Protein backbone atom coordinates (compact mmCIF):
# COMPACT_ATOMS: atom_id res chain seq x y z
CA MET A 1 29.08 184.97 -59.25
CA ARG A 2 29.81 181.25 -59.07
CA SER A 3 30.69 181.47 -55.35
CA ILE A 4 27.29 183.03 -54.60
CA THR A 5 25.55 180.16 -56.40
CA ILE A 6 27.57 177.59 -54.43
CA LEU A 7 26.85 179.42 -51.16
CA ALA A 8 23.12 179.57 -51.95
CA ALA A 9 23.04 175.84 -52.78
CA PHE A 10 24.83 175.03 -49.52
CA ALA A 11 22.34 177.13 -47.55
CA VAL A 12 19.36 175.37 -49.16
CA ALA A 13 20.91 171.95 -48.49
CA SER A 14 21.46 172.87 -44.83
CA LEU A 15 17.85 173.95 -44.38
CA VAL A 16 16.52 170.79 -45.99
CA ALA A 17 18.73 168.48 -43.89
CA SER A 18 17.94 170.08 -40.48
CA PRO A 19 14.30 168.96 -40.07
CA VAL A 20 15.21 165.33 -40.85
CA VAL A 21 17.74 165.25 -38.02
CA HIS A 22 15.26 166.88 -35.63
CA ALA A 23 12.53 164.40 -36.51
CA GLN A 24 14.85 161.46 -35.83
CA SER A 25 15.85 162.76 -32.40
CA THR A 26 12.18 163.28 -31.45
CA THR A 27 11.34 159.71 -32.47
CA THR A 28 14.27 158.36 -30.48
CA THR A 29 13.25 160.35 -27.41
CA THR A 30 9.62 159.18 -27.67
CA THR A 31 10.72 155.56 -28.07
CA THR A 32 13.04 155.84 -25.06
CA VAL A 33 10.27 157.32 -22.88
CA LYS A 34 7.84 154.56 -23.91
CA THR A 35 10.47 151.91 -23.22
CA ASP A 36 11.17 153.41 -19.77
CA THR A 37 7.47 153.60 -18.97
CA ASN A 38 6.91 150.00 -20.07
CA ALA A 39 9.85 148.83 -17.94
CA ILE A 40 8.51 150.69 -14.89
CA TRP A 41 5.05 149.20 -15.32
CA GLN A 42 6.43 145.68 -15.76
CA LYS A 43 8.17 146.18 -12.41
CA ILE A 44 4.97 147.55 -10.86
CA LYS A 45 2.90 144.61 -12.14
CA GLY A 46 5.43 142.15 -10.79
CA SER A 47 5.28 143.67 -7.32
CA TRP A 48 1.72 144.98 -7.32
CA ASN A 49 1.06 144.06 -3.67
CA THR A 50 3.95 146.32 -2.66
CA ALA A 51 3.22 149.02 -5.23
CA LYS A 52 -0.46 149.33 -4.33
CA GLY A 53 0.54 150.66 -0.91
CA ALA A 54 2.36 153.51 -2.63
CA VAL A 55 -0.63 154.02 -4.93
CA LYS A 56 -3.01 154.13 -1.98
CA GLU A 57 -0.73 156.62 -0.23
CA GLN A 58 -0.70 158.88 -3.30
CA TRP A 59 -4.42 158.55 -4.15
CA GLY A 60 -6.30 157.88 -0.91
CA LYS A 61 -9.72 157.98 -2.56
CA LEU A 62 -8.99 154.72 -4.41
CA THR A 63 -10.69 151.78 -2.69
CA ASP A 64 -9.29 148.32 -2.10
CA ASP A 65 -11.67 147.09 -4.82
CA ASP A 66 -10.22 149.68 -7.20
CA LEU A 67 -6.70 148.49 -6.45
CA MET A 68 -7.70 144.86 -6.94
CA GLU A 69 -9.24 145.76 -10.30
CA ILE A 70 -6.23 147.83 -11.43
CA GLN A 71 -3.74 144.97 -10.88
CA GLY A 72 -0.75 147.03 -12.01
CA ARG A 73 -2.27 148.24 -15.28
CA ARG A 74 -1.48 151.88 -15.98
CA ASP A 75 -4.56 152.59 -18.09
CA GLN A 76 -6.80 151.24 -15.34
CA LEU A 77 -5.05 153.40 -12.74
CA VAL A 78 -5.50 156.51 -14.87
CA GLY A 79 -9.19 155.72 -15.36
CA LYS A 80 -9.84 155.11 -11.66
CA ILE A 81 -8.05 158.31 -10.66
CA GLN A 82 -10.04 160.22 -13.24
CA MET A 83 -13.30 158.77 -11.93
CA ARG A 84 -12.61 159.07 -8.17
CA TYR A 85 -11.19 162.58 -8.30
CA GLY A 86 -13.43 163.96 -11.07
CA ILE A 87 -10.51 165.19 -13.18
CA SER A 88 -9.74 165.05 -16.88
CA GLN A 89 -7.81 162.22 -18.45
CA GLU A 90 -4.92 164.60 -19.15
CA GLN A 91 -4.73 165.58 -15.48
CA ALA A 92 -4.84 161.94 -14.38
CA GLU A 93 -2.12 161.07 -16.93
CA ALA A 94 0.06 163.89 -15.59
CA GLN A 95 -0.40 162.69 -12.01
CA VAL A 96 0.49 159.11 -12.92
CA SER A 97 3.52 160.26 -14.92
CA GLY A 98 4.79 162.20 -11.89
CA TRP A 99 4.15 159.21 -9.64
CA GLU A 100 5.99 156.91 -12.08
CA HIS A 101 9.04 159.14 -11.86
CA LYS A 102 8.91 159.11 -8.06
CA TYR A 103 8.27 155.34 -7.93
CA LYS A 104 11.15 154.67 -10.31
CA SER A 105 13.57 156.32 -7.87
CA MET A 106 12.33 154.24 -4.91
């Protein structure tokens, strides 16, 4: 009888501990992604004249005025893509995220 009580207590302790570990790994992953994104955009801002050629190649509807206004700011790029292509913010975010990944490997 005592072994069943110990086994039940161990099972409850295991269930309680699991979500805490999962929550920590999600936070770490989110932080790492944000850090990577920030590092990429710092690089893009620093070399905007070079990067805007790649942006123009990817999104040909963006004008030179748009690119001058964006000046390497991610939120501005997302907004201009959304406006020029008539897509949702989520779609524009997804496009920029894919472009970031491609640009990072350049």
